[in-house]
N, C-alpha and C. Protein backbone atom coordinates (compact mmCIF):
# COMPACT_ATOMS: atom_id res chain seq x y z
N MET A 1 -27.82 -9.81 -53.18
CA MET A 1 -26.73 -9.61 -54.36
C MET A 1 -25.77 -10.52 -53.64
N VAL A 2 -24.65 -10.61 -54.65
CA VAL A 2 -23.62 -11.55 -54.61
C VAL A 2 -22.25 -10.26 -54.52
N THR A 3 -21.77 -9.75 -53.21
CA THR A 3 -20.73 -9.04 -53.75
C THR A 3 -18.86 -9.93 -53.67
N GLY A 4 -19.42 -10.73 -53.66
CA GLY A 4 -18.16 -11.63 -54.29
C GLY A 4 -18.05 -11.96 -56.00
N VAL A 5 -17.95 -13.27 -56.08
CA VAL A 5 -16.94 -13.65 -57.40
C VAL A 5 -18.61 -13.80 -58.73
N ILE A 6 -18.79 -12.80 -59.20
CA ILE A 6 -19.61 -13.79 -60.64
C ILE A 6 -18.82 -14.07 -61.40
N ILE A 7 -19.55 -15.35 -62.00
CA ILE A 7 -19.22 -16.08 -63.23
C ILE A 7 -20.00 -16.14 -64.68
N ARG A 8 -19.81 -15.93 -65.42
CA ARG A 8 -20.79 -15.53 -66.56
C ARG A 8 -21.23 -17.01 -67.36
N ILE A 9 -21.59 -17.59 -67.39
CA ILE A 9 -21.66 -18.73 -68.02
C ILE A 9 -21.20 -19.05 -69.32
N GLU A 10 -22.64 -18.41 -69.95
CA GLU A 10 -22.34 -18.05 -71.16
C GLU A 10 -21.21 -17.55 -72.12
N LYS A 11 -20.46 -16.44 -71.22
CA LYS A 11 -18.80 -16.12 -72.26
C LYS A 11 -18.11 -17.32 -72.04
N VAL A 12 -18.19 -18.36 -71.63
CA VAL A 12 -17.12 -19.25 -71.73
C VAL A 12 -17.85 -20.71 -72.58
N SER A 13 -18.92 -21.03 -72.26
CA SER A 13 -19.87 -22.28 -72.99
C SER A 13 -20.61 -21.40 -73.65
N GLY A 14 -21.12 -20.66 -73.93
CA GLY A 14 -22.35 -19.76 -74.63
C GLY A 14 -23.74 -20.72 -74.77
N LYS A 15 -24.56 -20.96 -75.52
CA LYS A 15 -25.88 -20.81 -75.22
C LYS A 15 -26.07 -22.27 -74.60
N PHE A 16 -25.39 -22.84 -74.92
CA PHE A 16 -25.79 -24.14 -74.52
C PHE A 16 -24.32 -24.83 -73.86
N ALA A 17 -24.91 -25.14 -72.33
CA ALA A 17 -23.44 -25.17 -71.67
C ALA A 17 -23.49 -26.56 -71.39
N GLN A 18 -22.35 -27.83 -72.45
CA GLN A 18 -22.48 -28.86 -72.50
C GLN A 18 -21.36 -29.28 -72.14
N ASP A 19 -20.10 -28.55 -72.72
CA ASP A 19 -18.41 -29.02 -72.41
C ASP A 19 -18.08 -29.55 -71.29
N LYS A 20 -18.01 -30.33 -70.73
CA LYS A 20 -17.08 -30.86 -69.68
C LYS A 20 -16.20 -30.44 -68.70
N ASP A 21 -15.45 -29.85 -69.98
CA ASP A 21 -14.41 -29.08 -69.98
C ASP A 21 -13.65 -28.06 -69.83
N ILE A 22 -14.83 -27.56 -70.23
CA ILE A 22 -15.18 -25.68 -70.04
C ILE A 22 -15.53 -25.65 -68.30
N ALA A 23 -16.63 -26.61 -67.90
CA ALA A 23 -16.95 -26.78 -66.99
C ALA A 23 -15.88 -26.99 -65.45
N ARG A 24 -15.35 -28.09 -66.64
CA ARG A 24 -14.33 -28.25 -65.21
C ARG A 24 -13.19 -27.21 -65.12
N GLU A 25 -12.73 -26.65 -66.46
CA GLU A 25 -11.74 -25.38 -66.27
C GLU A 25 -12.87 -23.76 -65.34
N ILE A 26 -13.92 -23.85 -65.44
CA ILE A 26 -14.36 -22.75 -64.66
C ILE A 26 -14.38 -23.04 -62.94
N ARG A 27 -14.75 -24.81 -63.04
CA ARG A 27 -14.68 -25.24 -61.36
C ARG A 27 -12.86 -24.69 -60.93
N GLN A 28 -12.26 -25.59 -61.54
CA GLN A 28 -10.59 -24.91 -61.30
C GLN A 28 -9.58 -23.86 -60.88
N THR A 29 -10.15 -23.06 -62.29
CA THR A 29 -9.57 -21.98 -62.06
C THR A 29 -10.68 -20.45 -61.30
N ARG A 30 -11.77 -20.73 -61.21
CA ARG A 30 -12.66 -19.75 -60.87
C ARG A 30 -13.60 -19.85 -59.35
N LEU A 31 -14.12 -21.08 -59.68
CA LEU A 31 -15.00 -21.28 -58.48
C LEU A 31 -14.48 -21.82 -57.35
N ILE A 32 -13.45 -22.87 -57.23
CA ILE A 32 -12.87 -23.00 -56.27
C ILE A 32 -11.99 -21.89 -55.79
N PRO A 33 -11.08 -21.70 -56.02
CA PRO A 33 -10.11 -20.52 -55.67
C PRO A 33 -10.95 -19.39 -54.57
N ALA A 34 -12.35 -19.05 -55.08
CA ALA A 34 -13.20 -17.98 -55.12
C ALA A 34 -13.79 -18.47 -53.06
N LEU A 35 -14.19 -20.21 -53.85
CA LEU A 35 -14.53 -20.87 -52.54
C LEU A 35 -13.44 -20.65 -51.03
N LYS A 36 -12.62 -20.85 -51.68
CA LYS A 36 -11.09 -21.28 -50.88
C LYS A 36 -10.73 -20.20 -49.83
N LYS A 37 -11.15 -19.01 -50.56
CA LYS A 37 -11.21 -17.36 -49.73
C LYS A 37 -12.47 -16.70 -49.24
N LYS A 38 -13.37 -17.93 -49.18
CA LYS A 38 -14.45 -17.89 -48.56
C LYS A 38 -15.05 -16.48 -48.98
N GLN A 39 -15.21 -16.11 -50.48
CA GLN A 39 -15.68 -15.18 -51.33
C GLN A 39 -17.28 -16.11 -51.53
N ASP A 40 -18.44 -15.44 -51.59
CA ASP A 40 -19.67 -15.80 -52.21
C ASP A 40 -19.19 -16.01 -53.88
N VAL A 41 -20.34 -16.75 -54.56
CA VAL A 41 -20.06 -17.00 -55.97
C VAL A 41 -21.26 -16.97 -56.60
N ALA A 42 -21.73 -16.25 -57.49
CA ALA A 42 -22.70 -16.52 -58.60
C ALA A 42 -22.33 -16.77 -59.70
N LEU A 43 -22.66 -17.94 -59.81
CA LEU A 43 -23.21 -18.59 -61.31
C LEU A 43 -24.22 -17.73 -62.41
N ASP A 44 -23.79 -17.29 -62.73
CA ASP A 44 -24.80 -16.26 -63.74
C ASP A 44 -24.92 -17.02 -65.31
N PHE A 45 -26.00 -17.72 -65.37
CA PHE A 45 -26.50 -18.13 -66.30
C PHE A 45 -27.52 -17.51 -67.00
N SER A 46 -27.24 -16.13 -66.97
CA SER A 46 -27.98 -15.33 -68.35
C SER A 46 -27.47 -15.69 -69.92
N GLY A 47 -28.58 -15.71 -70.70
CA GLY A 47 -28.25 -16.18 -72.06
C GLY A 47 -27.98 -17.44 -72.15
N VAL A 48 -28.05 -18.25 -71.23
CA VAL A 48 -27.72 -19.85 -71.50
C VAL A 48 -29.19 -20.49 -71.63
N GLU A 49 -29.20 -20.76 -72.85
CA GLU A 49 -30.96 -21.37 -72.71
C GLU A 49 -31.06 -23.23 -72.37
N ASP A 50 -29.69 -23.40 -72.25
CA ASP A 50 -29.65 -24.92 -72.15
C ASP A 50 -28.63 -25.87 -71.54
N ALA A 51 -28.40 -26.33 -70.84
CA ALA A 51 -27.57 -27.21 -70.00
C ALA A 51 -27.53 -28.31 -70.03
N THR A 52 -26.31 -29.63 -69.93
CA THR A 52 -26.22 -30.81 -69.78
C THR A 52 -26.35 -31.30 -67.89
N GLN A 53 -26.48 -32.15 -67.78
CA GLN A 53 -26.61 -32.41 -66.49
C GLN A 53 -25.14 -32.74 -66.71
N SER A 54 -24.14 -33.53 -67.46
CA SER A 54 -22.92 -33.66 -67.24
C SER A 54 -22.11 -32.36 -67.46
N PHE A 55 -22.46 -31.17 -67.94
CA PHE A 55 -21.95 -29.70 -66.95
C PHE A 55 -22.08 -29.35 -66.33
N ILE A 56 -23.77 -29.33 -65.49
CA ILE A 56 -23.83 -28.81 -63.90
C ILE A 56 -22.71 -29.88 -62.87
N HIS A 57 -22.75 -31.27 -63.70
CA HIS A 57 -22.31 -31.79 -62.56
C HIS A 57 -20.89 -31.58 -62.32
N ALA A 58 -19.62 -31.34 -63.88
CA ALA A 58 -18.38 -31.59 -63.70
C ALA A 58 -18.10 -29.44 -63.10
N LEU A 59 -19.40 -29.38 -62.95
CA LEU A 59 -19.13 -27.83 -62.15
C LEU A 59 -19.50 -27.68 -60.87
N ILE A 60 -20.28 -28.76 -60.13
CA ILE A 60 -20.68 -28.41 -58.88
C ILE A 60 -19.94 -29.35 -58.13
N THR A 61 -19.63 -30.81 -58.54
CA THR A 61 -19.74 -32.09 -57.60
C THR A 61 -18.67 -31.54 -57.31
N GLU A 62 -17.63 -31.26 -57.10
CA GLU A 62 -16.00 -31.09 -56.86
C GLU A 62 -16.54 -30.44 -55.68
N PRO A 63 -16.74 -28.93 -55.71
CA PRO A 63 -16.69 -28.16 -54.69
C PRO A 63 -17.67 -28.47 -53.63
N ILE A 64 -19.21 -29.55 -53.96
CA ILE A 64 -19.39 -30.22 -52.85
C ILE A 64 -19.36 -31.08 -52.07
N ARG A 65 -18.36 -31.81 -52.62
CA ARG A 65 -17.46 -33.12 -51.74
C ARG A 65 -16.03 -32.41 -51.16
N ASP A 66 -15.53 -31.38 -52.01
CA ASP A 66 -14.93 -30.79 -50.56
C ASP A 66 -15.15 -29.82 -49.78
N PHE A 67 -15.98 -29.51 -50.08
CA PHE A 67 -16.09 -28.33 -48.46
C PHE A 67 -17.54 -28.71 -48.00
N GLY A 68 -18.48 -29.82 -48.46
CA GLY A 68 -19.53 -30.27 -47.90
C GLY A 68 -20.85 -29.25 -48.42
N ILE A 69 -22.40 -30.34 -48.49
CA ILE A 69 -23.11 -29.61 -49.19
C ILE A 69 -23.48 -27.68 -48.65
N GLU A 70 -22.79 -27.40 -47.54
CA GLU A 70 -22.64 -26.54 -46.69
C GLU A 70 -22.64 -25.43 -47.82
N VAL A 71 -21.81 -25.60 -48.99
CA VAL A 71 -20.98 -24.87 -49.67
C VAL A 71 -21.92 -24.12 -50.62
N LEU A 72 -23.65 -24.53 -50.55
CA LEU A 72 -24.07 -24.06 -51.80
C LEU A 72 -24.63 -22.78 -51.08
N ASP A 73 -24.82 -22.59 -49.82
CA ASP A 73 -24.89 -21.59 -48.88
C ASP A 73 -24.06 -20.07 -49.81
N LYS A 74 -23.06 -20.54 -50.37
CA LYS A 74 -21.76 -19.39 -50.56
C LYS A 74 -21.79 -19.57 -52.35
N VAL A 75 -22.78 -20.07 -53.07
CA VAL A 75 -23.20 -20.40 -54.80
C VAL A 75 -24.31 -19.97 -55.10
N VAL A 76 -24.72 -19.20 -55.58
CA VAL A 76 -25.93 -18.46 -56.11
C VAL A 76 -26.09 -18.69 -57.16
N PHE A 77 -26.91 -19.54 -58.08
CA PHE A 77 -27.68 -19.85 -59.13
C PHE A 77 -28.23 -18.80 -60.09
N LYS A 78 -27.97 -18.03 -60.84
CA LYS A 78 -28.34 -16.67 -61.20
C LYS A 78 -28.53 -16.98 -62.66
N GLU A 79 -30.16 -16.21 -62.83
CA GLU A 79 -30.98 -16.09 -64.26
C GLU A 79 -31.00 -17.64 -64.79
N CYS A 80 -31.07 -18.40 -64.13
CA CYS A 80 -31.11 -20.08 -64.44
C CYS A 80 -32.75 -19.80 -65.29
N ASN A 81 -32.84 -20.26 -66.27
CA ASN A 81 -34.45 -20.51 -66.98
C ASN A 81 -34.69 -21.67 -66.09
N GLU A 82 -36.01 -21.95 -66.48
CA GLU A 82 -36.73 -23.67 -66.02
C GLU A 82 -35.84 -24.60 -66.50
N THR A 83 -35.37 -24.87 -67.70
CA THR A 83 -34.72 -26.12 -67.88
C THR A 83 -33.86 -25.76 -67.26
N VAL A 84 -32.51 -24.91 -67.12
CA VAL A 84 -31.55 -24.95 -66.52
C VAL A 84 -31.74 -25.41 -65.08
N ARG A 85 -32.61 -24.40 -64.17
CA ARG A 85 -32.71 -25.02 -63.00
C ARG A 85 -33.38 -26.06 -62.72
N LYS A 86 -33.99 -26.67 -63.51
CA LYS A 86 -34.38 -28.51 -63.20
C LYS A 86 -33.02 -29.08 -63.21
N ILE A 87 -32.21 -29.11 -64.38
CA ILE A 87 -31.13 -29.53 -63.63
C ILE A 87 -30.09 -29.96 -62.87
N VAL A 88 -30.19 -28.23 -62.17
CA VAL A 88 -29.34 -28.36 -61.15
C VAL A 88 -29.97 -28.56 -59.90
N GLU A 89 -30.86 -28.46 -59.76
CA GLU A 89 -31.53 -29.51 -59.03
C GLU A 89 -31.69 -30.70 -58.79
N ILE A 90 -31.32 -31.12 -59.76
CA ILE A 90 -31.56 -32.55 -59.77
C ILE A 90 -29.78 -33.37 -59.43
N VAL A 91 -29.15 -32.37 -59.65
CA VAL A 91 -27.46 -32.49 -59.56
C VAL A 91 -27.23 -32.23 -57.58
N VAL A 92 -28.14 -31.09 -57.70
CA VAL A 92 -27.64 -31.35 -56.05
C VAL A 92 -28.61 -31.87 -55.05
N ASP A 93 -29.61 -32.45 -55.83
CA ASP A 93 -30.33 -33.40 -54.89
C ASP A 93 -29.75 -34.85 -55.31
N TYR A 94 -28.97 -35.21 -56.59
CA TYR A 94 -27.99 -36.15 -56.45
C TYR A 94 -26.93 -35.99 -55.30
N MET A 95 -26.41 -35.14 -55.47
CA MET A 95 -24.97 -35.06 -54.41
C MET A 95 -25.46 -34.62 -52.75
N GLN A 96 -26.43 -34.82 -52.57
CA GLN A 96 -27.50 -34.70 -51.04
C GLN A 96 -27.44 -36.06 -50.68
N HIS A 97 -28.29 -36.64 -51.65
CA HIS A 97 -28.25 -38.16 -51.29
C HIS A 97 -26.98 -38.91 -50.98
N GLU A 98 -25.54 -38.46 -52.27
CA GLU A 98 -24.26 -39.03 -52.17
C GLU A 98 -24.23 -39.12 -50.54
N ASP A 99 -24.46 -37.50 -50.31
CA ASP A 99 -23.85 -37.50 -49.12
C ASP A 99 -24.71 -37.77 -47.41
N GLU A 100 -25.72 -38.05 -47.77
CA GLU A 100 -26.15 -38.92 -47.12
C GLU A 100 -25.91 -40.63 -46.87
N LYS A 101 -25.67 -41.28 -48.17
CA LYS A 101 -25.24 -42.75 -47.89
C LYS A 101 -24.00 -41.96 -47.27
N GLU A 102 -22.77 -41.20 -47.30
CA GLU A 102 -21.12 -41.19 -47.13
C GLU A 102 -21.80 -41.06 -45.17
N ASP A 103 -22.66 -40.61 -44.65
CA ASP A 103 -23.70 -40.61 -43.48
C ASP A 103 -23.74 -42.12 -42.56
N THR A 104 -23.91 -42.92 -43.30
CA THR A 104 -24.48 -43.93 -43.13
C THR A 104 -23.65 -45.05 -42.45
């Protein structure tokens, strides 16, 4: 159970999380500030039926680049349906490969 910040994605994005501007606002005003305070964060996707890869990318790539892939130990993707979970996995996998490229 997360004892830090819970961000309910559906409340700001609706059932289809697609707006990159909304993702950026969540990232800048809620996600990154919580991570800077070393808080755990739950990205709660309850009620979200689908999301675009660009939404997830806009939400989590900057924190991964700024804090390293280990930041995902502080972030929980909660209540993701199969579709959303696969998109999150694609973005995370892409970022892990980006990180590996920078290390070489």
